[in-house]
């Protein structure tokens, strides 16, 4: 359950960060510039990591449990 929560938190954090970047660039009169591709890729890393953790949640939870038992 905790592994899934962390995965969803990573995905949510990335979505909020991307949304704030987009809103800041889109609605700010001073910096009405385009979004930069490297920044967008950098912001998507936590979402991709969260997606991988969400897909492999059961195996990751079992691995953590086994590691803590030893």
PDB file of N, CA and C in Angstrom:
ATOM      1  N   UNK A   1       0.819  -1.185   0.000  1.00  0.00           N
ATOM      2  CA  UNK A   1       0.000   0.000   0.000  1.00  0.00           C
ATOM      3  C   UNK A   1       0.869   1.257   0.000  1.00  0.00           C
ATOM      4  N   UNK A   2       1.913   1.251   0.811  1.00  0.00           N
ATOM      5  CA  UNK A   2       2.811   2.399   0.885  1.00  0.00           C
ATOM      6  C   UNK A   2       3.553   2.596  -0.433  1.00  0.00           C
ATOM      7  N   UNK A   3       3.927   1.514  -1.093  1.00  0.00           N
ATOM      8  CA  UNK A   3       4.627   1.613  -2.372  1.00  0.00           C
ATOM      9  C   UNK A   3       3.723   2.248  -3.411  1.00  0.00           C
ATOM     10  N   UNK A   4       2.463   1.861  -3.445  1.00  0.00           N
ATOM     11  CA  UNK A   4       1.510   2.450  -4.385  1.00  0.00           C
ATOM     12  C   UNK A   4       1.260   3.917  -4.067  1.00  0.00           C
ATOM     13  N   UNK A   5       1.192   4.265  -2.788  1.00  0.00           N
ATOM     14  CA  UNK A   5       1.005   5.658  -2.395  1.00  0.00           C
ATOM     15  C   UNK A   5       2.174   6.507  -2.874  1.00  0.00           C
ATOM     16  N   UNK A   6       3.389   6.010  -2.707  1.00  0.00           N
ATOM     17  CA  UNK A   6       4.570   6.746  -3.152  1.00  0.00           C
ATOM     18  C   UNK A   6       4.557   6.915  -4.671  1.00  0.00           C
ATOM     19  N   UNK A   7       4.151   5.884  -5.394  1.00  0.00           N
ATOM     20  CA  UNK A   7       4.082   5.973  -6.850  1.00  0.00           C
ATOM     21  C   UNK A   7       3.063   7.020  -7.288  1.00  0.00           C
ATOM     22  N   UNK A   8       1.900   7.006  -6.669  1.00  0.00           N
ATOM     23  CA  UNK A   8       0.864   7.985  -7.019  1.00  0.00           C
ATOM     24  C   UNK A   8       1.296   9.395  -6.615  1.00  0.00           C
ATOM     25  N   UNK A   9       2.005   9.521  -5.502  1.00  0.00           N
ATOM     26  CA  UNK A   9       2.505  10.824  -5.080  1.00  0.00           C
ATOM     27  C   UNK A   9       3.530  11.365  -6.080  1.00  0.00           C
ATOM     28  N   UNK A  10       4.408  10.514  -6.599  1.00  0.00           N
ATOM     29  CA  UNK A  10       5.373  10.947  -7.606  1.00  0.00           C
ATOM     30  C   UNK A  10       4.685  11.411  -8.884  1.00  0.00           C
ATOM     31  N   UNK A  11       3.672  10.662  -9.303  1.00  0.00           N
ATOM     32  CA  UNK A  11       2.937  11.040 -10.504  1.00  0.00           C
ATOM     33  C   UNK A  11       2.193  12.352 -10.276  1.00  0.00           C
ATOM     34  N   UNK A  12       1.545  12.491  -9.128  1.00  0.00           N
ATOM     35  CA  UNK A  12       0.823  13.726  -8.815  1.00  0.00           C
ATOM     36  C   UNK A  12       1.747  14.922  -8.706  1.00  0.00           C
ATOM     37  N   UNK A  13       2.895  14.728  -8.073  1.00  0.00           N
ATOM     38  CA  UNK A  13       3.873  15.815  -7.939  1.00  0.00           C
ATOM     39  C   UNK A  13       4.324  16.289  -9.319  1.00  0.00           C
ATOM     40  N   UNK A  14       4.589  15.360 -10.195  1.00  0.00           N
ATOM     41  CA  UNK A  14       5.030  15.710 -11.536  1.00  0.00           C
ATOM     42  C   UNK A  14       3.942  16.444 -12.309  1.00  0.00           C
ATOM     43  N   UNK A  15       2.702  16.004 -12.179  1.00  0.00           N
ATOM     44  CA  UNK A  15       1.591  16.652 -12.881  1.00  0.00           C
ATOM     45  C   UNK A  15       1.370  18.073 -12.363  1.00  0.00           C
ATOM     46  N   UNK A  16       1.445  18.253 -11.054  1.00  0.00           N
ATOM     47  CA  UNK A  16       1.278  19.594 -10.480  1.00  0.00           C
ATOM     48  C   UNK A  16       2.425  20.491 -10.914  1.00  0.00           C
ATOM     49  N   UNK A  17       3.651  19.981 -10.901  1.00  0.00           N
ATOM     50  CA  UNK A  17       4.807  20.767 -11.317  1.00  0.00           C
ATOM     51  C   UNK A  17       4.690  21.178 -12.779  1.00  0.00           C
ATOM     52  N   UNK A  18       4.295  20.256 -13.635  1.00  0.00           N
ATOM     53  CA  UNK A  18       4.116  20.569 -15.043  1.00  0.00           C
ATOM     54  C   UNK A  18       3.001  21.592 -15.237  1.00  0.00           C
ATOM     55  N   UNK A  19       1.910  21.427 -14.514  1.00  0.00           N
ATOM     56  CA  UNK A  19       0.795  22.371 -14.622  1.00  0.00           C
ATOM     57  C   UNK A  19       1.180  23.770 -14.172  1.00  0.00           C
ATOM     58  N   UNK A  20       1.939  23.868 -13.102  1.00  0.00           N
ATOM     59  CA  UNK A  20       2.386  25.175 -12.629  1.00  0.00           C
ATOM     60  C   UNK A  20       3.358  25.817 -13.611  1.00  0.00           C
ATOM     61  N   UNK A  21       4.255  25.032 -14.194  1.00  0.00           N
ATOM     62  CA  UNK A  21       5.165  25.562 -15.207  1.00  0.00           C
ATOM     63  C   UNK A  21       4.389  26.069 -16.415  1.00  0.00           C
ATOM     64  N   UNK A  22       3.422  25.283 -16.861  1.00  0.00           N
ATOM     65  CA  UNK A  22       2.625  25.680 -18.015  1.00  0.00           C
ATOM     66  C   UNK A  22       1.828  26.943 -17.718  1.00  0.00           C
ATOM     67  N   UNK A  23       1.207  27.000 -16.556  1.00  0.00           N
ATOM     68  CA  UNK A  23       0.427  28.177 -16.198  1.00  0.00           C
ATOM     69  C   UNK A  23       1.317  29.404 -16.038  1.00  0.00           C
ATOM     70  N   UNK A  24       2.490  29.214 -15.480  1.00  0.00           N
ATOM     71  CA  UNK A  24       3.409  30.333 -15.311  1.00  0.00           C
ATOM     72  C   UNK A  24       3.880  30.898 -16.637  1.00  0.00           C
ATOM     73  N   UNK A  25       4.159  30.034 -17.592  1.00  0.00           N
ATOM     74  CA  UNK A  25       4.601  30.499 -18.901  1.00  0.00           C
ATOM     75  C   UNK A  25       3.439  31.011 -19.734  1.00  0.00           C
ATOM     76  N   UNK A  26       2.267  30.421 -19.572  1.00  0.00           N
ATOM     77  CA  UNK A  26       1.136  30.753 -20.418  1.00  0.00           C
ATOM     78  C   UNK A  26       0.440  32.041 -19.973  1.00  0.00           C
ATOM     79  N   UNK A  27       0.310  32.249 -18.688  1.00  0.00           N
ATOM     80  CA  UNK A  27      -0.484  33.369 -18.196  1.00  0.00           C
ATOM     81  C   UNK A  27       0.342  34.548 -17.685  1.00  0.00           C
ATOM     82  N   UNK A  28       1.648  34.415 -17.601  1.00  0.00           N
ATOM     83  CA  UNK A  28       2.478  35.503 -17.092  1.00  0.00           C
ATOM     84  C   UNK A  28       2.783  36.493 -18.216  1.00  0.00           C
ATOM     85  N   UNK A  29       2.452  37.775 -18.040  1.00  0.00           N
ATOM     86  CA  UNK A  29       2.700  38.740 -19.118  1.00  0.00           C
ATOM     87  C   UNK A  29       4.195  39.044 -19.306  1.00  0.00           C
ATOM     88  N   UNK A  30       5.001  38.898 -18.244  1.00  0.00           N
ATOM     89  CA  UNK A  30       6.421  39.207 -18.368  1.00  0.00           C
ATOM     90  C   UNK A  30       7.167  38.115 -19.125  1.00  0.00           C
ATOM     91  N   UNK A  31       6.858  36.875 -18.857  1.00  0.00           N
ATOM     92  CA  UNK A  31       7.600  35.747 -19.432  1.00  0.00           C
ATOM     93  C   UNK A  31       6.724  34.945 -20.374  1.00  0.00           C
ATOM     94  N   UNK A  32       6.110  35.624 -21.309  1.00  0.00           N
ATOM     95  CA  UNK A  32       5.225  34.934 -22.249  1.00  0.00           C
ATOM     96  C   UNK A  32       6.080  34.207 -23.288  1.00  0.00           C
ATOM     97  N   UNK A  33       6.906  33.297 -22.797  1.00  0.00           N
ATOM     98  CA  UNK A  33       7.797  32.533 -23.663  1.00  0.00           C
ATOM     99  C   UNK A  33       7.260  31.111 -23.820  1.00  0.00           C
ATOM    100  N   UNK A  34       7.889  30.386 -24.705  1.00  0.00           N
ATOM    101  CA  UNK A  34       7.478  29.008 -24.939  1.00  0.00           C
ATOM    102  C   UNK A  34       8.073  28.089 -23.880  1.00  0.00           C
ATOM    103  N   UNK A  35       7.417  26.954 -23.675  1.00  0.00           N
ATOM    104  CA  UNK A  35       7.963  25.941 -22.770  1.00  0.00           C
ATOM    105  C   UNK A  35       9.176  25.303 -23.419  1.00  0.00           C
ATOM    106  N   UNK A  36      10.165  25.026 -22.635  1.00  0.00           N
ATOM    107  CA  UNK A  36      11.391  24.421 -23.147  1.00  0.00           C
ATOM    108  C   UNK A  36      11.307  22.903 -23.031  1.00  0.00           C
ATOM    109  N   UNK A  37      11.717  22.203 -24.064  1.00  0.00           N
ATOM    110  CA  UNK A  37      11.648  20.742 -24.095  1.00  0.00           C
ATOM    111  C   UNK A  37      12.502  20.094 -23.011  1.00  0.00           C
ATOM    112  N   UNK A  38      13.759  20.538 -22.762  1.00  0.00           N
ATOM    113  CA  UNK A  38      14.532  19.896 -21.682  1.00  0.00           C
ATOM    114  C   UNK A  38      13.868  20.041 -20.313  1.00  0.00           C
ATOM    115  N   UNK A  39      13.238  21.165 -20.062  1.00  0.00           N
ATOM    116  CA  UNK A  39      12.531  21.349 -18.795  1.00  0.00           C
ATOM    117  C   UNK A  39      11.334  20.432 -18.673  1.00  0.00           C
ATOM    118  N   UNK A  40      10.637  20.222 -19.787  1.00  0.00           N
ATOM    119  CA  UNK A  40       9.481  19.327 -19.769  1.00  0.00           C
ATOM    120  C   UNK A  40       9.922  17.887 -19.540  1.00  0.00           C
ATOM    121  N   UNK A  41      11.030  17.498 -20.157  1.00  0.00           N
ATOM    122  CA  UNK A  41      11.543  16.140 -19.968  1.00  0.00           C
ATOM    123  C   UNK A  41      11.994  15.954 -18.527  1.00  0.00           C
ATOM    124  N   UNK A  42      12.659  16.959 -17.987  1.00  0.00           N
ATOM    125  CA  UNK A  42      13.115  16.898 -16.594  1.00  0.00           C
ATOM    126  C   UNK A  42      11.935  16.785 -15.627  1.00  0.00           C
ATOM    127  N   UNK A  43      10.852  17.495 -15.926  1.00  0.00           N
ATOM    128  CA  UNK A  43       9.677  17.434 -15.059  1.00  0.00           C
ATOM    129  C   UNK A  43       8.935  16.107 -15.180  1.00  0.00           C
ATOM    130  N   UNK A  44       9.109  15.393 -16.290  1.00  0.00           N
ATOM    131  CA  UNK A  44       8.389  14.135 -16.470  1.00  0.00           C
ATOM    132  C   UNK A  44       9.106  12.938 -15.844  1.00  0.00           C
ATOM    133  N   UNK A  45      10.345  13.110 -15.390  1.00  0.00           N
ATOM    134  CA  UNK A  45      11.097  12.000 -14.794  1.00  0.00           C
ATOM    135  C   UNK A  45      10.391  11.427 -13.567  1.00  0.00           C
ATOM    136  N   UNK A  46       9.905  12.252 -12.608  1.00  0.00           N
ATOM    137  CA  UNK A  46       9.189  11.654 -11.466  1.00  0.00           C
ATOM    138  C   UNK A  46       7.925  10.911 -11.883  1.00  0.00           C
ATOM    139  N   UNK A  47       7.236  11.399 -12.911  1.00  0.00           N
ATOM    140  CA  UNK A  47       6.028  10.709 -13.375  1.00  0.00           C
ATOM    141  C   UNK A  47       6.375   9.346 -13.963  1.00  0.00           C
ATOM    142  N   UNK A  48       7.426   9.279 -14.746  1.00  0.00           N
ATOM    143  CA  UNK A  48       7.841   7.998 -15.318  1.00  0.00           C
ATOM    144  C   UNK A  48       8.299   7.038 -14.229  1.00  0.00           C
ATOM    145  N   UNK A  49       9.049   7.552 -13.264  1.00  0.00           N
ATOM    146  CA  UNK A  49       9.483   6.725 -12.139  1.00  0.00           C
ATOM    147  C   UNK A  49       8.271   6.218 -11.349  1.00  0.00           C
ATOM    148  N   UNK A  50       7.308   7.097 -11.110  1.00  0.00           N
ATOM    149  CA  UNK A  50       6.092   6.693 -10.406  1.00  0.00           C
ATOM    150  C   UNK A  50       5.301   5.654 -11.169  1.00  0.00           C
ATOM    151  N   UNK A  51       5.252   5.786 -12.487  1.00  0.00           N
ATOM    152  CA  UNK A  51       4.543   4.807 -13.307  1.00  0.00           C
ATOM    153  C   UNK A  51       5.214   3.442 -13.243  1.00  0.00           C
ATOM    154  N   UNK A  52       6.542   3.424 -13.299  1.00  0.00           N
ATOM    155  CA  UNK A  52       7.281   2.155 -13.191  1.00  0.00           C
ATOM    156  C   UNK A  52       7.056   1.528 -11.825  1.00  0.00           C
ATOM    157  N   UNK A  53       7.118   2.335 -10.768  1.00  0.00           N
ATOM    158  CA  UNK A  53       6.900   1.817  -9.410  1.00  0.00           C
ATOM    159  C   UNK A  53       5.476   1.295  -9.274  1.00  0.00           C
ATOM    160  N   UNK A  54       4.508   1.991  -9.870  1.00  0.00           N
ATOM    161  CA  UNK A  54       3.115   1.542  -9.800  1.00  0.00           C
ATOM    162  C   UNK A  54       2.918   0.214 -10.520  1.00  0.00           C
ATOM    163  N   UNK A  55       3.580   0.041 -11.649  1.00  0.00           N
ATOM    164  CA  UNK A  55       3.462  -1.215 -12.390  1.00  0.00           C
ATOM    165  C   UNK A  55       4.123  -2.359 -11.629  1.00  0.00           C
ATOM    166  N   UNK A  56       5.271  -2.102 -11.039  1.00  0.00           N
ATOM    167  CA  UNK A  56       6.026  -3.134 -10.326  1.00  0.00           C
ATOM    168  C   UNK A  56       5.807  -3.077  -8.811  1.00  0.00           C
ATOM    169  N   UNK A  57       4.670  -2.557  -8.368  1.00  0.00           N
ATOM    170  CA  UNK A  57       4.429  -2.326  -6.937  1.00  0.00           C
ATOM    171  C   UNK A  57       4.495  -3.614  -6.118  1.00  0.00           C
ATOM    172  N   UNK A  58       3.876  -4.673  -6.590  1.00  0.00           N
ATOM    173  CA  UNK A  58       3.842  -5.906  -5.818  1.00  0.00           C
ATOM    174  C   UNK A  58       5.245  -6.486  -5.658  1.00  0.00           C
ATOM    175  N   UNK A  59       5.992  -6.559  -6.749  1.00  0.00           N
ATOM    176  CA  UNK A  59       7.351  -7.108  -6.681  1.00  0.00           C
ATOM    177  C   UNK A  59       8.251  -6.229  -5.820  1.00  0.00           C
ATOM    178  N   UNK A  60       8.095  -4.920  -5.931  1.00  0.00           N
ATOM    179  CA  UNK A  60       8.900  -4.001  -5.133  1.00  0.00           C
ATOM    180  C   UNK A  60       8.558  -4.103  -3.651  1.00  0.00           C
ATOM    181  N   UNK A  61       7.273  -4.244  -3.330  1.00  0.00           N
ATOM    182  CA  UNK A  61       6.864  -4.392  -1.934  1.00  0.00           C
ATOM    183  C   UNK A  61       7.395  -5.702  -1.341  1.00  0.00           C
ATOM    184  N   UNK A  62       7.353  -6.775  -2.115  1.00  0.00           N
ATOM    185  CA  UNK A  62       7.900  -8.051  -1.637  1.00  0.00           C
ATOM    186  C   UNK A  62       9.408  -7.954  -1.423  1.00  0.00           C
ATOM    187  N   UNK A  63      10.108  -7.276  -2.334  1.00  0.00           N
ATOM    188  CA  UNK A  63      11.555  -7.110  -2.199  1.00  0.00           C
ATOM    189  C   UNK A  63      11.899  -6.310  -0.944  1.00  0.00           C
ATOM    190  N   UNK A  64      11.156  -5.232  -0.691  1.00  0.00           N
ATOM    191  CA  UNK A  64      11.389  -4.431   0.517  1.00  0.00           C
ATOM    192  C   UNK A  64      11.101  -5.242   1.766  1.00  0.00           C
ATOM    193  N   UNK A  65      10.014  -6.011   1.742  1.00  0.00           N
ATOM    194  CA  UNK A  65       9.663  -6.843   2.893  1.00  0.00           C
ATOM    195  C   UNK A  65      10.755  -7.877   3.187  1.00  0.00           C
ATOM    196  N   UNK A  66      11.245  -8.532   2.146  1.00  0.00           N
ATOM    197  CA  UNK A  66      12.319  -9.504   2.306  1.00  0.00           C
ATOM    198  C   UNK A  66      13.595  -8.856   2.814  1.00  0.00           C
ATOM    199  N   UNK A  67      13.898  -7.672   2.321  1.00  0.00           N
ATOM    200  CA  UNK A  67      15.107  -6.977   2.755  1.00  0.00           C
ATOM    201  C   UNK A  67      15.018  -6.557   4.216  1.00  0.00           C
ATOM    202  N   UNK A  68      13.835  -6.181   4.664  1.00  0.00           N
ATOM    203  CA  UNK A  68      13.665  -5.771   6.066  1.00  0.00           C
ATOM    204  C   UNK A  68      13.621  -6.970   7.004  1.00  0.00           C
ATOM    205  N   UNK A  69      13.223  -8.136   6.499  1.00  0.00           N
ATOM    206  CA  UNK A  69      13.184  -9.345   7.346  1.00  0.00           C
ATOM    207  C   UNK A  69      14.583  -9.850   7.671  1.00  0.00           C
ATOM    208  N   UNK A  70      15.523  -9.625   6.788  1.00  0.00           N
ATOM    209  CA  UNK A  70      16.888 -10.137   6.996  1.00  0.00           C
ATOM    210  C   UNK A  70      17.669  -9.293   7.922  1.00  0.00           C
TER     211      UNK A  70
END
